[in-house]
Amino acid sequence: MAIWRITGEGPKELPQTKLKQEKMLEEDLEDWIEKKPLILGEPLLIIGRQVLIPEVKDRLDLLGVDPQGNAVVIELKRGKLKDPVDMQALRYASYISKWSYEDFESQAKNYFGKVGDDDFNFNEVYETFCAEAGIDEPPDLNTDQRIIIVGSEVKEKLGSVALWLRDHDVDIKVIEVLVFKEGESLLMQPQVIVPMPVGKFTSTGKSTVKSGMQPWLVNGKEWHLEKRCSPQTRKMFELLDDIIQDNFEVDGPRWAQKLYIAYRRNNYNWLAVETRPNSLVLHILVTPGKFDKAEIAKNLQIEEFDEEGTFADKMGLRSSVTIKKSTEHTGWIMLRLKGDFDVQSEAFIDFLKQAYKAFPK
């Protein structure tokens, strides 16, 4: 797809070029992704570059983890994407699948230059990354493995293999990088080819339900509203969703999580709504220091949630609020909204607007 510059004379198409033609190396593409993993369309924590795989005496280009705890093997090709890059990436993923937490920790120490540094805490780095991505409780590491293949042209054979692998529950993503030139500047446009954003390669009428597939992945909306919510909390969520859609520019609701429904900004969870039969728990990502717990409680006429309180005390609270600081730049407001709370109140809507403005930059 072309990139167009709008001028006084109308749209002007920018000329497309190739990395090879611009004398760019595979290492240049590797540099860009290492510095800005969001180029790949999602938050990733890079923990290795040119990672040695002793079993095959070969090196994978980039190794990362995602906020769901998956190991992510990233293979890059400056030229056309063709086999055996797919088999190569599968081999790497199979070896990484055997890694323990200590293997990841050791790799991260090497990558961040912290070998021999007793103060380096990989778990803290991982927890901070997950928190900034909107995950309050970091999942176990390396529960599954993913593959991302990046290059300038996707050959039909690779696309076919990637689709087949996805049909068999192998999480593989193929990204085609288009390069455009304007004067001395280069513009890069990554496009996800597999999986397709629309069902271009799927058969009409084909069932999307797979045997053994988790219900929140098959139909997340039904899972949350009919299985996790009571009629009361379902109505609360539907009212909340109406307010969010009417007032904020967010990507959501995103249903395909087991415990919560997400609304995202800039590829991070701004608001995660934990669905429960007796309450909705809102996790709102904000800049630390922007809010006072007592003031929120007073304005919304709810209780202050004491993390040190007994379980019985916590369960006996009506709607409540607490604030947690995750990192220097991010914090969370947690609202536990029970049936006594009016999500349509002017005070609550005003609070959400303030929280939206306080999203970390």
Protein backbone atom coordinates (compact mmCIF):
# COMPACT_ATOMS: atom_id res chain seq x y z
CA MET A 1 0.00 0.00 0.00
CA ALA A 2 1.36 3.41 -1.00
CA ILE A 3 2.05 6.40 1.26
CA TRP A 4 0.63 9.68 0.05
CA ARG A 5 1.73 13.22 0.90
CA ILE A 6 -1.10 15.74 0.71
CA THR A 7 0.07 18.88 -1.12
CA GLY A 8 -1.62 21.99 -2.48
CA GLU A 9 -1.71 20.24 -5.84
CA GLY A 10 -3.36 17.17 -4.41
CA PRO A 11 -2.10 13.80 -3.16
CA LYS A 12 1.46 12.90 -4.19
CA GLU A 13 2.58 9.26 -3.99
CA LEU A 14 5.94 8.69 -2.33
CA PRO A 15 8.28 6.42 -4.30
CA GLN A 16 8.82 2.96 -2.85
CA THR A 17 12.35 1.62 -2.47
CA LYS A 18 14.15 -1.42 -1.02
CA LEU A 19 16.47 -1.75 1.95
CA LYS A 20 19.07 -3.39 -0.29
CA GLN A 21 18.75 -0.59 -2.82
CA GLU A 22 19.42 1.95 -0.03
CA LYS A 23 22.49 -0.06 1.02
CA MET A 24 20.84 -0.97 4.33
CA LEU A 25 21.91 -4.20 5.99
CA GLU A 26 19.96 -6.78 7.96
CA GLU A 27 21.79 -5.40 11.00
CA ASP A 28 20.18 -1.99 10.40
CA LEU A 29 16.70 -3.51 10.57
CA GLU A 30 17.81 -5.36 13.68
CA ASP A 31 19.00 -2.07 15.23
CA TRP A 32 15.68 -0.34 14.61
CA ILE A 33 13.58 -3.12 16.10
CA GLU A 34 15.93 -3.56 19.07
CA LYS A 35 15.61 0.15 19.90
CA LYS A 36 11.84 0.36 19.21
CA PRO A 37 10.14 -3.05 19.48
CA LEU A 38 6.77 -1.29 19.01
CA ILE A 39 7.68 -1.26 15.31
CA LEU A 40 6.32 -4.82 15.44
CA GLY A 41 2.96 -3.54 16.67
CA GLU A 42 3.11 -4.69 20.29
CA PRO A 43 5.07 -4.11 23.52
CA LEU A 44 8.06 -6.46 23.77
CA LEU A 45 10.96 -6.68 26.22
CA ILE A 46 14.11 -7.49 24.25
CA ILE A 47 16.56 -9.58 26.29
CA GLY A 48 18.93 -10.82 23.61
CA ARG A 49 20.50 -10.08 20.23
CA GLN A 50 22.34 -12.69 18.18
CA VAL A 51 21.56 -15.22 20.90
CA LEU A 52 23.65 -18.36 20.66
CA ILE A 53 21.68 -21.61 20.49
CA PRO A 54 24.32 -24.16 21.54
CA GLU A 55 22.33 -27.18 20.31
CA VAL A 56 22.64 -26.03 16.68
CA LYS A 57 25.63 -23.69 17.06
CA ASP A 58 23.60 -20.95 15.48
CA ARG A 59 22.27 -17.56 16.58
CA LEU A 60 18.74 -16.16 16.54
CA ASP A 61 18.43 -12.49 15.65
CA LEU A 62 16.43 -11.11 18.59
CA LEU A 63 14.90 -12.74 21.65
CA GLY A 64 12.15 -11.07 23.66
CA VAL A 65 9.26 -11.72 26.00
CA ASP A 66 5.74 -10.33 25.77
CA PRO A 67 3.43 -9.15 28.60
CA GLN A 68 1.70 -12.54 28.62
CA GLY A 69 4.99 -14.26 29.58
CA ASN A 70 5.61 -15.84 26.18
CA ALA A 71 9.14 -16.11 24.79
CA VAL A 72 9.28 -14.34 21.40
CA VAL A 73 11.76 -15.44 18.72
CA ILE A 74 12.27 -12.64 16.17
CA GLU A 75 13.94 -13.50 12.85
CA LEU A 76 14.80 -10.75 10.37
CA LYS A 77 15.51 -10.82 6.65
CA ARG A 78 16.44 -7.75 4.63
CA GLY A 79 15.44 -9.40 1.37
CA LYS A 80 12.59 -11.67 0.37
CA LEU A 81 11.11 -13.79 3.11
CA LYS A 82 11.35 -17.39 2.00
CA ASP A 83 12.09 -20.77 3.51
CA PRO A 84 14.09 -21.98 5.32
CA VAL A 85 13.53 -18.94 7.58
CA ASP A 86 10.32 -20.53 8.87
CA MET A 87 12.01 -23.82 9.77
CA GLN A 88 14.92 -21.91 11.28
CA ALA A 89 12.58 -19.94 13.56
CA LEU A 90 10.72 -23.11 14.55
CA ARG A 91 13.98 -24.77 15.54
CA TYR A 92 14.94 -21.79 17.66
CA ALA A 93 11.53 -21.71 19.35
CA SER A 94 11.74 -25.43 20.12
CA TYR A 95 15.07 -24.98 21.89
CA ILE A 96 13.95 -21.86 23.77
CA SER A 97 10.89 -23.82 24.98
CA LYS A 98 13.24 -25.86 27.18
CA TRP A 99 14.69 -22.81 28.93
CA SER A 100 14.11 -22.30 32.64
CA TYR A 101 13.66 -18.99 34.42
CA GLU A 102 17.37 -19.09 35.28
CA ASP A 103 18.24 -19.36 31.57
CA PHE A 104 16.24 -16.20 30.83
CA GLU A 105 17.79 -14.45 33.79
CA SER A 106 21.29 -15.37 32.63
CA GLN A 107 20.51 -14.23 29.08
CA ALA A 108 19.13 -10.90 30.35
CA LYS A 109 22.25 -10.35 32.48
CA ASN A 110 24.41 -10.87 29.41
CA TYR A 111 22.26 -8.59 27.27
CA PHE A 112 22.02 -5.74 29.76
CA GLY A 113 25.71 -6.04 30.68
CA LYS A 114 24.94 -7.05 34.27
CA VAL A 115 27.00 -10.24 34.56
CA GLY A 116 28.46 -10.32 38.05
CA ASP A 117 26.14 -7.56 39.26
CA ASP A 118 24.40 -8.95 42.35
CA ASP A 119 22.02 -5.98 42.43
CA PHE A 120 20.55 -6.76 39.00
CA ASN A 121 17.06 -8.18 39.46
CA PHE A 122 15.63 -9.64 36.26
CA ASN A 123 12.29 -10.32 37.92
CA GLU A 124 11.99 -6.61 38.72
CA VAL A 125 12.77 -5.71 35.09
CA TYR A 126 10.15 -8.19 33.89
CA GLU A 127 7.52 -6.98 36.40
CA THR A 128 8.15 -3.35 35.41
CA PHE A 129 7.73 -4.21 31.73
CA CYS A 130 4.46 -6.06 32.41
CA ALA A 131 3.16 -3.18 34.56
CA GLU A 132 3.88 -0.64 31.81
CA ALA A 133 2.00 -2.90 29.39
CA GLY A 134 -1.02 -2.92 31.71
CA ILE A 135 -0.50 -6.32 33.38
CA ASP A 136 -0.71 -5.89 37.15
CA GLU A 137 0.27 -9.45 38.05
CA PRO A 138 3.09 -10.74 35.79
CA PRO A 139 2.38 -14.22 34.40
CA ASP A 140 4.82 -17.13 34.57
CA LEU A 141 7.66 -16.82 32.09
CA ASN A 142 8.02 -19.04 29.00
CA THR A 143 4.63 -20.74 29.33
CA ASP A 144 4.57 -20.69 25.52
CA GLN A 145 6.69 -19.52 22.61
CA ARG A 146 5.90 -17.21 19.71
CA ILE A 147 7.62 -16.46 16.42
CA ILE A 148 7.79 -13.14 14.56
CA ILE A 149 9.38 -13.13 11.11
CA VAL A 150 10.19 -9.75 9.53
CA GLY A 151 11.35 -8.99 5.99
CA SER A 152 10.77 -6.97 2.85
CA GLU A 153 8.71 -9.41 0.77
CA VAL A 154 6.65 -12.40 1.80
CA LYS A 155 6.72 -15.30 -0.61
CA GLU A 156 3.53 -17.27 -1.06
CA LYS A 157 5.14 -20.45 0.23
CA LEU A 158 6.05 -18.87 3.58
CA GLY A 159 2.59 -17.30 3.92
CA SER A 160 0.99 -20.69 3.36
CA VAL A 161 3.23 -22.37 5.96
CA ALA A 162 2.58 -19.60 8.50
CA LEU A 163 -1.19 -19.90 8.08
CA TRP A 164 -1.01 -23.66 8.46
CA LEU A 165 1.03 -23.29 11.65
CA ARG A 166 -1.51 -20.83 13.08
CA ASP A 167 -4.31 -23.26 12.27
CA HIS A 168 -2.41 -25.76 14.43
CA ASP A 169 -2.07 -23.32 17.34
CA VAL A 170 1.53 -22.21 16.68
CA ASP A 171 1.65 -18.47 17.36
CA ILE A 172 3.55 -17.11 14.37
CA LYS A 173 3.38 -13.58 12.98
CA VAL A 174 4.81 -12.47 9.63
CA ILE A 175 5.52 -8.77 9.07
CA GLU A 176 6.38 -7.26 5.71
CA VAL A 177 8.41 -4.04 5.86
CA LEU A 178 7.74 -1.50 3.10
CA VAL A 179 10.24 1.33 2.62
CA PHE A 180 9.53 4.68 0.98
CA LYS A 181 11.85 7.53 0.10
CA GLU A 182 11.26 11.26 0.34
CA GLY A 183 14.34 13.29 -0.47
CA GLU A 184 17.10 11.99 1.78
CA SER A 185 14.64 10.54 4.31
CA LEU A 186 13.45 6.95 4.48
CA LEU A 187 9.99 6.03 5.77
CA MET A 188 9.20 2.53 7.00
CA GLN A 189 5.75 0.95 7.01
CA PRO A 190 5.49 -2.44 8.77
CA GLN A 191 2.46 -4.48 7.72
CA VAL A 192 1.24 -7.61 9.46
CA ILE A 193 0.65 -10.16 6.70
CA VAL A 194 -0.05 -13.18 8.91
CA PRO A 195 -2.43 -13.21 10.69
CA MET A 196 -4.45 -11.12 8.27
CA PRO A 197 -6.37 -8.24 9.88
CA VAL A 198 -9.35 -9.46 7.84
CA GLY A 199 -10.23 -13.00 6.88
CA LYS A 200 -8.66 -12.82 3.40
CA PHE A 201 -7.33 -16.36 3.48
CA THR A 202 -10.10 -18.02 5.49
CA SER A 203 -12.89 -20.05 3.96
CA THR A 204 -16.40 -18.67 4.18
CA GLY A 205 -18.45 -20.60 6.69
CA LYS A 206 -15.46 -22.29 8.29
CA SER A 207 -15.96 -22.83 12.01
CA THR A 208 -13.54 -20.84 14.17
CA VAL A 209 -14.13 -23.04 17.22
CA LYS A 210 -11.29 -25.46 17.87
CA SER A 211 -11.51 -28.47 20.11
CA GLY A 212 -9.91 -27.70 23.46
CA MET A 213 -9.65 -23.98 22.77
CA GLN A 214 -10.10 -21.75 25.82
CA PRO A 215 -13.64 -20.25 25.94
CA TRP A 216 -12.41 -16.65 26.37
CA LEU A 217 -10.51 -17.05 23.08
CA VAL A 218 -13.48 -18.56 21.24
CA ASN A 219 -16.06 -15.99 22.42
CA GLY A 220 -14.64 -13.61 25.01
CA LYS A 221 -17.75 -11.48 25.18
CA GLU A 222 -19.93 -14.44 26.10
CA TRP A 223 -17.27 -15.68 28.56
CA HIS A 224 -17.16 -12.44 30.51
CA LEU A 225 -20.78 -11.33 30.38
CA GLU A 226 -22.47 -14.71 30.79
CA LYS A 227 -19.94 -16.88 32.62
CA ARG A 228 -18.01 -14.49 34.88
CA CYS A 229 -20.54 -11.71 35.51
CA SER A 230 -23.80 -11.89 37.41
CA PRO A 231 -26.81 -10.11 35.84
CA GLN A 232 -26.04 -7.15 38.11
CA THR A 233 -22.35 -6.78 37.23
CA ARG A 234 -23.12 -7.41 33.57
CA LYS A 235 -25.49 -4.43 33.58
CA MET A 236 -22.85 -2.34 35.36
CA PHE A 237 -20.26 -3.25 32.72
CA GLU A 238 -22.60 -2.50 29.81
CA LEU A 239 -23.31 0.94 31.27
CA LEU A 240 -19.58 1.49 31.82
CA ASP A 241 -18.80 0.47 28.24
CA ASP A 242 -21.38 2.96 26.91
CA ILE A 243 -19.68 5.75 28.91
CA ILE A 244 -16.23 4.77 27.62
CA GLN A 245 -17.35 4.60 23.99
CA ASP A 246 -19.08 7.99 24.25
CA ASN A 247 -16.21 9.85 25.92
CA PHE A 248 -12.83 8.32 25.08
CA GLU A 249 -10.71 7.29 22.12
CA VAL A 250 -9.57 3.79 23.04
CA ASP A 251 -9.11 0.41 21.40
CA GLY A 252 -11.68 -1.83 23.00
CA PRO A 253 -13.36 -3.56 24.54
CA ARG A 254 -10.87 -6.39 23.96
CA TRP A 255 -12.42 -9.56 25.29
CA ALA A 256 -9.83 -12.32 24.76
CA GLN A 257 -8.40 -12.43 28.30
CA LYS A 258 -9.43 -14.90 30.96
CA LEU A 259 -9.90 -12.48 33.87
CA TYR A 260 -10.42 -9.00 32.44
CA ILE A 261 -11.67 -6.87 29.55
CA ALA A 262 -9.16 -4.36 28.20
CA TYR A 263 -9.31 -0.86 26.72
CA ARG A 264 -5.97 0.11 25.17
CA ARG A 265 -4.13 3.34 24.32
CA ASN A 266 -0.86 3.40 22.39
CA ASN A 267 -0.62 -0.41 22.65
CA TYR A 268 -0.91 -0.34 26.46
CA ASN A 269 -3.88 -1.17 28.67
CA TRP A 270 -5.32 2.12 29.90
CA LEU A 271 -8.23 0.40 31.63
CA ALA A 272 -8.60 -3.28 32.51
CA VAL A 273 -11.99 -4.32 33.91
CA GLU A 274 -11.77 -7.47 36.00
CA THR A 275 -15.12 -9.23 35.79
CA ARG A 276 -16.59 -10.88 38.90
CA PRO A 277 -20.08 -11.97 40.02
CA ASN A 278 -20.24 -9.47 42.89
CA SER A 279 -18.08 -6.61 41.61
CA LEU A 280 -16.13 -5.02 38.78
CA VAL A 281 -12.49 -4.25 39.56
CA LEU A 282 -11.13 -1.41 37.44
CA HIS A 283 -7.35 -1.12 36.96
CA ILE A 284 -6.57 2.32 35.49
CA LEU A 285 -3.06 3.20 34.28
CA VAL A 286 -2.03 6.74 35.31
CA THR A 287 1.02 8.89 35.96
CA PRO A 288 2.08 8.52 39.63
CA GLY A 289 1.31 11.39 41.98
CA LYS A 290 -1.66 12.71 40.01
CA PHE A 291 -4.30 11.38 42.40
CA ASP A 292 -4.90 11.12 46.14
CA LYS A 293 -6.69 8.02 47.41
CA ALA A 294 -8.61 9.87 50.13
CA GLU A 295 -9.79 12.51 47.68
CA ILE A 296 -11.02 9.90 45.18
CA ALA A 297 -12.87 8.10 47.97
CA LYS A 298 -14.51 11.34 49.11
CA ASN A 299 -15.52 12.47 45.59
CA LEU A 300 -16.93 9.07 44.62
CA GLN A 301 -18.39 8.41 48.10
CA ILE A 302 -16.60 5.08 48.45
CA GLU A 303 -14.20 3.49 50.97
CA GLU A 304 -10.41 3.54 51.03
CA PHE A 305 -9.07 0.03 50.46
CA ASP A 306 -6.39 -0.94 53.00
CA GLU A 307 -3.95 -3.49 51.57
CA GLU A 308 -2.87 -4.38 55.12
CA GLY A 309 -6.41 -5.05 56.32
CA THR A 310 -7.77 -8.50 57.13
CA PHE A 311 -9.52 -10.56 54.48
CA ALA A 312 -12.81 -10.21 56.35
CA ASP A 313 -12.44 -6.43 56.45
CA LYS A 314 -11.73 -6.31 52.74
CA MET A 315 -14.69 -8.51 51.86
CA GLY A 316 -16.98 -6.39 54.04
CA LEU A 317 -16.14 -3.14 52.27
CA ARG A 318 -18.58 -1.57 49.91
CA SER A 319 -17.10 0.00 46.76
CA SER A 320 -13.51 1.05 47.44
CA VAL A 321 -10.32 2.51 45.96
CA THR A 322 -6.57 2.01 46.32
CA ILE A 323 -3.56 3.38 44.45
CA LYS A 324 -0.37 1.51 43.57
CA LYS A 325 2.86 2.81 42.08
CA SER A 326 4.39 0.33 39.62
CA THR A 327 7.37 2.26 38.26
CA GLU A 328 8.77 5.77 38.29
CA HIS A 329 6.50 6.65 35.39
CA THR A 330 3.43 4.45 35.90
CA GLY A 331 0.89 3.77 38.62
CA TRP A 332 -2.51 2.14 39.00
CA ILE A 333 -5.78 3.28 40.45
CA MET A 334 -7.84 0.25 41.45
CA LEU A 335 -11.57 0.69 41.95
CA ARG A 336 -13.64 -2.17 43.34
CA LEU A 337 -17.18 -1.33 42.25
CA LYS A 338 -20.01 -3.25 43.87
CA GLY A 339 -23.74 -3.15 43.26
CA ASP A 340 -24.15 -0.01 45.38
CA PHE A 341 -22.07 2.08 42.96
CA ASP A 342 -23.62 4.32 40.28
CA VAL A 343 -21.33 4.18 37.22
CA GLN A 344 -23.51 6.83 35.54
CA SER A 345 -22.90 9.43 38.22
CA GLU A 346 -21.42 12.75 37.15
CA ALA A 347 -18.62 12.41 39.71
CA PHE A 348 -17.52 9.04 38.32
CA ILE A 349 -17.57 10.19 34.69
CA ASP A 350 -15.56 13.26 35.66
CA PHE A 351 -13.05 11.02 37.46
CA LEU A 352 -12.62 8.83 34.35
CA LYS A 353 -11.95 11.95 32.26
CA GLN A 354 -9.25 13.04 34.71
CA ALA A 355 -7.73 9.55 34.67
CA TYR A 356 -7.74 9.56 30.86
CA LYS A 357 -5.77 12.84 30.84
CA ALA A 358 -3.32 11.34 33.38
CA PHE A 359 -2.33 8.49 31.05
CA PRO A 360 1.50 8.18 31.11
CA LYS A 361 3.13 9.86 28.11
